[in-house]
Amino acid sequence: MSCPEPTDCAERDPIPTTEENANTERAVLAFVLDEHPNRLTIPEVSLAMNAKPGGAFEPGDAVERAIRDLVGAALLRCEGGYVVPTRAALRFHRLESD
């Protein structure tokens, strides 16, 4: 049996806005910088970011997408399965903290 209006057949996840993506990237970068020099895997970062009650992030791949975009912007890198901040990100963090 078909649905009378195909677009109403299933709920879809809303497409995240640029602002939501930027907020997630900001939170992920801050978390990784705060955890440095501890090395975390992508699943560990995702779990930590989504573990808050009433979490700030929707289930799904927002954290993974943020990590991918931050790697593309040369602020994070993945080495040996771990997410680590780049030297540029660490330097900026030190400048902002002083």
C-alpha atoms as a PDB file:
ATOM      1  CA  MET A   1       0.000   0.000   0.000  1.00  0.00           C
ATOM      2  CA  SER A   2       1.442   3.350  -0.925  1.00  0.00           C
ATOM      3  CA  CYS A   3       1.301   6.522   1.041  1.00  0.00           C
ATOM      4  CA  PRO A   4      -0.940   9.199  -0.513  1.00  0.00           C
ATOM      5  CA  GLU A   5       1.784  11.825  -0.118  1.00  0.00           C
ATOM      6  CA  PRO A   6       5.230  10.210  -0.474  1.00  0.00           C
ATOM      7  CA  THR A   7       6.986  13.020   1.351  1.00  0.00           C
ATOM      8  CA  ASP A   8       4.814  12.362   4.418  1.00  0.00           C
ATOM      9  CA  CYS A   9       5.597   8.641   4.654  1.00  0.00           C
ATOM     10  CA  ALA A  10       8.570   8.877   6.966  1.00  0.00           C
ATOM     11  CA  GLU A  11       9.986  11.483   9.237  1.00  0.00           C
ATOM     12  CA  ARG A  12      13.315  12.850   8.111  1.00  0.00           C
ATOM     13  CA  ASP A  13      16.103  14.218  10.191  1.00  0.00           C
ATOM     14  CA  PRO A  14      16.309  17.951   9.742  1.00  0.00           C
ATOM     15  CA  ILE A  15      19.365  19.105   7.857  1.00  0.00           C
ATOM     16  CA  PRO A  16      21.705  20.815  10.312  1.00  0.00           C
ATOM     17  CA  THR A  17      22.218  24.501   9.741  1.00  0.00           C
ATOM     18  CA  THR A  18      25.565  26.160   9.259  1.00  0.00           C
ATOM     19  CA  GLU A  19      25.225  27.649  12.731  1.00  0.00           C
ATOM     20  CA  GLU A  20      24.515  24.239  14.288  1.00  0.00           C
ATOM     21  CA  ASN A  21      27.526  22.766  12.482  1.00  0.00           C
ATOM     22  CA  ALA A  22      29.743  25.627  13.689  1.00  0.00           C
ATOM     23  CA  ASN A  23      28.519  25.180  17.272  1.00  0.00           C
ATOM     24  CA  THR A  24      29.248  21.465  17.134  1.00  0.00           C
ATOM     25  CA  GLU A  25      32.707  22.065  15.628  1.00  0.00           C
ATOM     26  CA  ARG A  26      33.443  24.663  18.321  1.00  0.00           C
ATOM     27  CA  ALA A  27      32.387  22.264  21.086  1.00  0.00           C
ATOM     28  CA  VAL A  28      34.345  19.315  19.646  1.00  0.00           C
ATOM     29  CA  LEU A  29      37.500  21.386  19.174  1.00  0.00           C
ATOM     30  CA  ALA A  30      37.239  22.806  22.706  1.00  0.00           C
ATOM     31  CA  PHE A  31      36.736  19.317  24.114  1.00  0.00           C
ATOM     32  CA  VAL A  32      39.724  17.839  22.257  1.00  0.00           C
ATOM     33  CA  LEU A  33      41.912  20.799  23.267  1.00  0.00           C
ATOM     34  CA  ASP A  34      40.828  20.483  26.907  1.00  0.00           C
ATOM     35  CA  GLU A  35      41.579  16.742  26.871  1.00  0.00           C
ATOM     36  CA  HIS A  36      45.027  17.216  25.290  1.00  0.00           C
ATOM     37  CA  PRO A  37      47.471  15.456  25.781  1.00  0.00           C
ATOM     38  CA  ASN A  38      45.005  12.598  26.367  1.00  0.00           C
ATOM     39  CA  ARG A  39      44.365  10.834  23.090  1.00  0.00           C
ATOM     40  CA  LEU A  40      40.798   9.887  22.270  1.00  0.00           C
ATOM     41  CA  THR A  41      39.293   7.873  19.449  1.00  0.00           C
ATOM     42  CA  ILE A  42      36.414   9.228  17.347  1.00  0.00           C
ATOM     43  CA  PRO A  43      33.913   6.953  19.155  1.00  0.00           C
ATOM     44  CA  GLU A  44      35.240   8.160  22.539  1.00  0.00           C
ATOM     45  CA  VAL A  45      34.831  11.811  21.538  1.00  0.00           C
ATOM     46  CA  SER A  46      31.349  11.104  20.195  1.00  0.00           C
ATOM     47  CA  LEU A  47      30.329   9.224  23.331  1.00  0.00           C
ATOM     48  CA  ALA A  48      31.636  11.981  25.614  1.00  0.00           C
ATOM     49  CA  MET A  49      29.930  14.715  23.598  1.00  0.00           C
ATOM     50  CA  ASN A  50      26.590  12.866  23.465  1.00  0.00           C
ATOM     51  CA  ALA A  51      26.604  11.504  27.038  1.00  0.00           C
ATOM     52  CA  LYS A  52      25.245  14.648  28.694  1.00  0.00           C
ATOM     53  CA  PRO A  53      21.669  14.322  29.962  1.00  0.00           C
ATOM     54  CA  GLY A  54      19.464  16.211  27.549  1.00  0.00           C
ATOM     55  CA  GLY A  55      22.596  16.298  25.400  1.00  0.00           C
ATOM     56  CA  ALA A  56      23.515  19.264  23.290  1.00  0.00           C
ATOM     57  CA  PHE A  57      23.811  17.053  20.224  1.00  0.00           C
ATOM     58  CA  GLU A  58      21.222  14.979  18.466  1.00  0.00           C
ATOM     59  CA  PRO A  59      21.950  11.303  17.997  1.00  0.00           C
ATOM     60  CA  GLY A  60      23.634  10.716  14.709  1.00  0.00           C
ATOM     61  CA  ASP A  61      26.802  11.813  13.143  1.00  0.00           C
ATOM     62  CA  ALA A  62      27.075  15.499  14.169  1.00  0.00           C
ATOM     63  CA  VAL A  63      30.256  14.902  16.171  1.00  0.00           C
ATOM     64  CA  GLU A  64      31.806  12.717  13.481  1.00  0.00           C
ATOM     65  CA  ARG A  65      30.949  15.333  10.850  1.00  0.00           C
ATOM     66  CA  ALA A  66      32.500  18.047  13.027  1.00  0.00           C
ATOM     67  CA  ILE A  67      35.688  16.007  13.403  1.00  0.00           C
ATOM     68  CA  ARG A  68      35.829  15.474   9.634  1.00  0.00           C
ATOM     69  CA  ASP A  69      35.375  19.186   8.979  1.00  0.00           C
ATOM     70  CA  LEU A  70      37.957  20.163  11.601  1.00  0.00           C
ATOM     71  CA  VAL A  71      40.442  17.744  10.035  1.00  0.00           C
ATOM     72  CA  GLY A  72      39.723  19.395   6.683  1.00  0.00           C
ATOM     73  CA  ALA A  73      40.387  22.800   8.251  1.00  0.00           C
ATOM     74  CA  ALA A  74      43.714  21.514   9.661  1.00  0.00           C
ATOM     75  CA  LEU A  75      42.653  22.013  13.277  1.00  0.00           C
ATOM     76  CA  LEU A  76      42.459  18.314  14.148  1.00  0.00           C
ATOM     77  CA  ARG A  77      44.167  15.271  12.712  1.00  0.00           C
ATOM     78  CA  CYS A  78      43.557  11.570  13.045  1.00  0.00           C
ATOM     79  CA  GLU A  79      46.643   9.534  13.701  1.00  0.00           C
ATOM     80  CA  GLY A  80      46.631   5.881  14.561  1.00  0.00           C
ATOM     81  CA  GLY A  81      42.896   5.956  15.234  1.00  0.00           C
ATOM     82  CA  TYR A  82      43.144   8.890  17.640  1.00  0.00           C
ATOM     83  CA  VAL A  83      41.869  12.445  17.254  1.00  0.00           C
ATOM     84  CA  VAL A  84      44.535  15.005  18.154  1.00  0.00           C
ATOM     85  CA  PRO A  85      44.750  18.777  17.794  1.00  0.00           C
ATOM     86  CA  THR A  86      47.221  20.161  15.292  1.00  0.00           C
ATOM     87  CA  ARG A  87      50.088  22.438  16.306  1.00  0.00           C
ATOM     88  CA  ALA A  88      48.151  25.401  14.895  1.00  0.00           C
ATOM     89  CA  ALA A  89      45.117  24.602  17.063  1.00  0.00           C
ATOM     90  CA  LEU A  90      47.295  24.193  20.153  1.00  0.00           C
ATOM     91  CA  ARG A  91      49.085  27.477  19.464  1.00  0.00           C
ATOM     92  CA  PHE A  92      45.796  29.346  19.004  1.00  0.00           C
ATOM     93  CA  HIS A  93      44.437  27.774  22.191  1.00  0.00           C
ATOM     94  CA  ARG A  94      47.508  28.945  24.142  1.00  0.00           C
ATOM     95  CA  LEU A  95      47.163  32.466  22.713  1.00  0.00           C
ATOM     96  CA  GLU A  96      43.478  32.595  23.667  1.00  0.00           C
ATOM     97  CA  SER A  97      44.113  31.202  27.153  1.00  0.00           C
ATOM     98  CA  ASP A  98      46.729  33.778  28.111  1.00  0.00           C
END
